[in-house]
Amino acid sequence: MPVTLGDVATVQVGPEMRRGIAELNGEGEVAGGVVVLRSAANARAVIDGVATGSRPEAPECLPGVEVVPTYDRSRLIDRAIDNLSDEAVEEFIVVALVCALFLWHARSPWSPS
């Protein structure tokens, strides 16, 4: 004799599972937002604009609303620009030294008159 699930348990339709909730630092549910950057836009300028334009003192914010950035790329962008600037200076110096080495080689037929 087959035993079905209904014989050993109560089967019913339950509530649908919640999806898309966000939680921050163990303090409960929060609303989240994402800033989408347009192609070829200045990322640093957009980040600065969002930081100054999304203050809780803005008139469209409700009382008790707090804007908390969770992922800010500005430090990453600044470090990448600093790194590229340093590398560009180093490469310029190396290229200048190599050019000087080949242009002022001791055995070259050019001699100052």
C-alpha atoms as a PDB file:
ATOM      1  CA  MET A   1       0.000   0.000   0.000  1.00  0.00           C
ATOM      2  CA  PRO A   2       1.595   3.351  -1.021  1.00  0.00           C
ATOM      3  CA  VAL A   3       2.096   6.066   1.596  1.00  0.00           C
ATOM      4  CA  THR A   4       1.560   9.572   0.267  1.00  0.00           C
ATOM      5  CA  LEU A   5       2.762  12.859   1.718  1.00  0.00           C
ATOM      6  CA  GLY A   6      -0.812  13.777   2.639  1.00  0.00           C
ATOM      7  CA  ASP A   7      -0.979  10.664   4.849  1.00  0.00           C
ATOM      8  CA  VAL A   8       1.916  11.814   7.062  1.00  0.00           C
ATOM      9  CA  ALA A   9       1.755  15.614   6.831  1.00  0.00           C
ATOM     10  CA  THR A  10      -0.506  18.570   6.192  1.00  0.00           C
ATOM     11  CA  VAL A  11       0.004  19.891   2.689  1.00  0.00           C
ATOM     12  CA  GLN A  12      -0.965  23.492   1.978  1.00  0.00           C
ATOM     13  CA  VAL A  13       0.082  26.410  -0.202  1.00  0.00           C
ATOM     14  CA  GLY A  14       2.248  28.828   1.781  1.00  0.00           C
ATOM     15  CA  PRO A  15       3.205  32.443   1.188  1.00  0.00           C
ATOM     16  CA  GLU A  16       5.515  33.223  -1.693  1.00  0.00           C
ATOM     17  CA  MET A  17       9.187  33.575  -0.781  1.00  0.00           C
ATOM     18  CA  ARG A  18      10.439  37.143  -0.536  1.00  0.00           C
ATOM     19  CA  ARG A  19      13.031  38.129  -3.073  1.00  0.00           C
ATOM     20  CA  GLY A  20      15.132  41.221  -3.530  1.00  0.00           C
ATOM     21  CA  ILE A  21      15.503  42.264   0.090  1.00  0.00           C
ATOM     22  CA  ALA A  22      18.695  43.965   1.208  1.00  0.00           C
ATOM     23  CA  GLU A  23      20.254  43.998   4.661  1.00  0.00           C
ATOM     24  CA  LEU A  24      23.045  46.275   5.883  1.00  0.00           C
ATOM     25  CA  ASN A  25      25.447  45.549   8.774  1.00  0.00           C
ATOM     26  CA  GLY A  26      22.988  43.289  10.584  1.00  0.00           C
ATOM     27  CA  GLU A  27      20.662  46.210  11.360  1.00  0.00           C
ATOM     28  CA  GLY A  28      17.668  45.032   9.354  1.00  0.00           C
ATOM     29  CA  GLU A  29      16.211  45.567   5.934  1.00  0.00           C
ATOM     30  CA  VAL A  30      17.139  48.606   3.874  1.00  0.00           C
ATOM     31  CA  ALA A  31      16.213  50.036   0.508  1.00  0.00           C
ATOM     32  CA  GLY A  32      19.011  49.977  -2.029  1.00  0.00           C
ATOM     33  CA  GLY A  33      19.858  51.962  -5.093  1.00  0.00           C
ATOM     34  CA  VAL A  34      22.415  51.702  -7.867  1.00  0.00           C
ATOM     35  CA  VAL A  35      23.939  54.580  -9.803  1.00  0.00           C
ATOM     36  CA  VAL A  36      24.367  53.626 -13.458  1.00  0.00           C
ATOM     37  CA  LEU A  37      27.175  55.386 -15.274  1.00  0.00           C
ATOM     38  CA  ARG A  38      26.701  56.309 -18.927  1.00  0.00           C
ATOM     39  CA  SER A  39      29.233  55.100 -21.434  1.00  0.00           C
ATOM     40  CA  ALA A  40      32.252  57.419 -21.768  1.00  0.00           C
ATOM     41  CA  ALA A  41      31.155  59.512 -18.762  1.00  0.00           C
ATOM     42  CA  ASN A  42      33.619  60.830 -16.193  1.00  0.00           C
ATOM     43  CA  ALA A  43      33.220  58.365 -13.316  1.00  0.00           C
ATOM     44  CA  ARG A  44      34.896  60.626 -10.757  1.00  0.00           C
ATOM     45  CA  ALA A  45      32.590  63.553 -11.608  1.00  0.00           C
ATOM     46  CA  VAL A  46      29.513  61.319 -11.374  1.00  0.00           C
ATOM     47  CA  ILE A  47      30.606  59.979  -7.970  1.00  0.00           C
ATOM     48  CA  ASP A  48      31.188  63.526  -6.709  1.00  0.00           C
ATOM     49  CA  GLY A  49      27.786  64.598  -8.043  1.00  0.00           C
ATOM     50  CA  VAL A  50      26.006  61.701  -6.362  1.00  0.00           C
ATOM     51  CA  ALA A  51      27.823  62.351  -3.077  1.00  0.00           C
ATOM     52  CA  THR A  52      26.786  66.011  -3.019  1.00  0.00           C
ATOM     53  CA  GLY A  53      23.305  65.491  -4.459  1.00  0.00           C
ATOM     54  CA  SER A  54      22.135  62.622  -2.223  1.00  0.00           C
ATOM     55  CA  ARG A  55      22.434  64.251   1.189  1.00  0.00           C
ATOM     56  CA  PRO A  56      19.685  63.402   3.680  1.00  0.00           C
ATOM     57  CA  GLU A  57      19.047  67.148   4.063  1.00  0.00           C
ATOM     58  CA  ALA A  58      17.667  67.222   0.530  1.00  0.00           C
ATOM     59  CA  PRO A  59      13.975  68.236   0.500  1.00  0.00           C
ATOM     60  CA  GLU A  60      12.876  65.010  -1.208  1.00  0.00           C
ATOM     61  CA  CYS A  61      14.202  62.821   1.660  1.00  0.00           C
ATOM     62  CA  LEU A  62      11.787  61.778   4.377  1.00  0.00           C
ATOM     63  CA  PRO A  63      12.636  62.394   8.046  1.00  0.00           C
ATOM     64  CA  GLY A  64      14.877  59.643   9.401  1.00  0.00           C
ATOM     65  CA  VAL A  65      16.177  58.657   5.974  1.00  0.00           C
ATOM     66  CA  GLU A  66      19.913  58.129   5.890  1.00  0.00           C
ATOM     67  CA  VAL A  67      21.944  57.740   2.692  1.00  0.00           C
ATOM     68  CA  VAL A  68      24.832  55.318   3.248  1.00  0.00           C
ATOM     69  CA  PRO A  69      27.223  54.565   0.386  1.00  0.00           C
ATOM     70  CA  THR A  70      28.251  50.912   0.465  1.00  0.00           C
ATOM     71  CA  TYR A  71      30.624  50.787  -2.504  1.00  0.00           C
ATOM     72  CA  ASP A  72      32.504  53.948  -3.450  1.00  0.00           C
ATOM     73  CA  ARG A  73      34.957  53.666  -6.347  1.00  0.00           C
ATOM     74  CA  SER A  74      36.460  57.124  -5.871  1.00  0.00           C
ATOM     75  CA  ARG A  75      39.514  55.897  -3.914  1.00  0.00           C
ATOM     76  CA  LEU A  76      40.109  53.177  -6.501  1.00  0.00           C
ATOM     77  CA  ILE A  77      39.914  55.711  -9.332  1.00  0.00           C
ATOM     78  CA  ASP A  78      42.267  58.133  -7.550  1.00  0.00           C
ATOM     79  CA  ARG A  79      44.827  55.393  -6.844  1.00  0.00           C
ATOM     80  CA  ALA A  80      44.672  54.160 -10.445  1.00  0.00           C
ATOM     81  CA  ILE A  81      45.257  57.676 -11.807  1.00  0.00           C
ATOM     82  CA  ASP A  82      48.165  58.220  -9.399  1.00  0.00           C
ATOM     83  CA  ASN A  83      49.671  54.873 -10.381  1.00  0.00           C
ATOM     84  CA  LEU A  84      49.361  55.610 -14.107  1.00  0.00           C
ATOM     85  CA  SER A  85      50.874  59.075 -13.651  1.00  0.00           C
ATOM     86  CA  ASP A  86      53.869  57.632 -11.790  1.00  0.00           C
ATOM     87  CA  GLU A  87      54.349  54.898 -14.386  1.00  0.00           C
ATOM     88  CA  ALA A  88      54.131  57.400 -17.263  1.00  0.00           C
ATOM     89  CA  VAL A  89      56.874  59.546 -15.681  1.00  0.00           C
ATOM     90  CA  GLU A  90      59.091  56.490 -15.134  1.00  0.00           C
ATOM     91  CA  GLU A  91      58.590  55.320 -18.731  1.00  0.00           C
ATOM     92  CA  PHE A  92      59.370  58.806 -20.051  1.00  0.00           C
ATOM     93  CA  ILE A  93      62.644  58.837 -18.111  1.00  0.00           C
ATOM     94  CA  VAL A  94      63.623  55.356 -19.379  1.00  0.00           C
ATOM     95  CA  VAL A  95      62.843  56.267 -23.003  1.00  0.00           C
ATOM     96  CA  ALA A  96      64.788  59.532 -22.676  1.00  0.00           C
ATOM     97  CA  LEU A  97      67.805  57.681 -21.255  1.00  0.00           C
ATOM     98  CA  VAL A  98      67.727  55.034 -23.997  1.00  0.00           C
ATOM     99  CA  CYS A  99      67.444  57.714 -26.696  1.00  0.00           C
ATOM    100  CA  ALA A 100      70.314  59.652 -25.136  1.00  0.00           C
ATOM    101  CA  LEU A 101      72.433  56.485 -24.955  1.00  0.00           C
ATOM    102  CA  PHE A 102      71.969  55.740 -28.657  1.00  0.00           C
ATOM    103  CA  LEU A 103      72.218  59.348 -29.855  1.00  0.00           C
ATOM    104  CA  TRP A 104      75.399  60.145 -27.922  1.00  0.00           C
ATOM    105  CA  HIS A 105      77.155  56.827 -28.428  1.00  0.00           C
ATOM    106  CA  ALA A 106      80.957  57.189 -28.169  1.00  0.00           C
ATOM    107  CA  ARG A 107      81.714  55.428 -31.465  1.00  0.00           C
ATOM    108  CA  SER A 108      79.305  57.428 -33.588  1.00  0.00           C
ATOM    109  CA  PRO A 109      80.862  59.369 -36.488  1.00  0.00           C
ATOM    110  CA  TRP A 110      79.248  62.623 -35.322  1.00  0.00           C
ATOM    111  CA  SER A 111      81.628  64.875 -33.484  1.00  0.00           C
ATOM    112  CA  PRO A 112      81.051  68.412 -32.350  1.00  0.00           C
ATOM    113  CA  SER A 113      82.965  71.000 -34.364  1.00  0.00           C
END
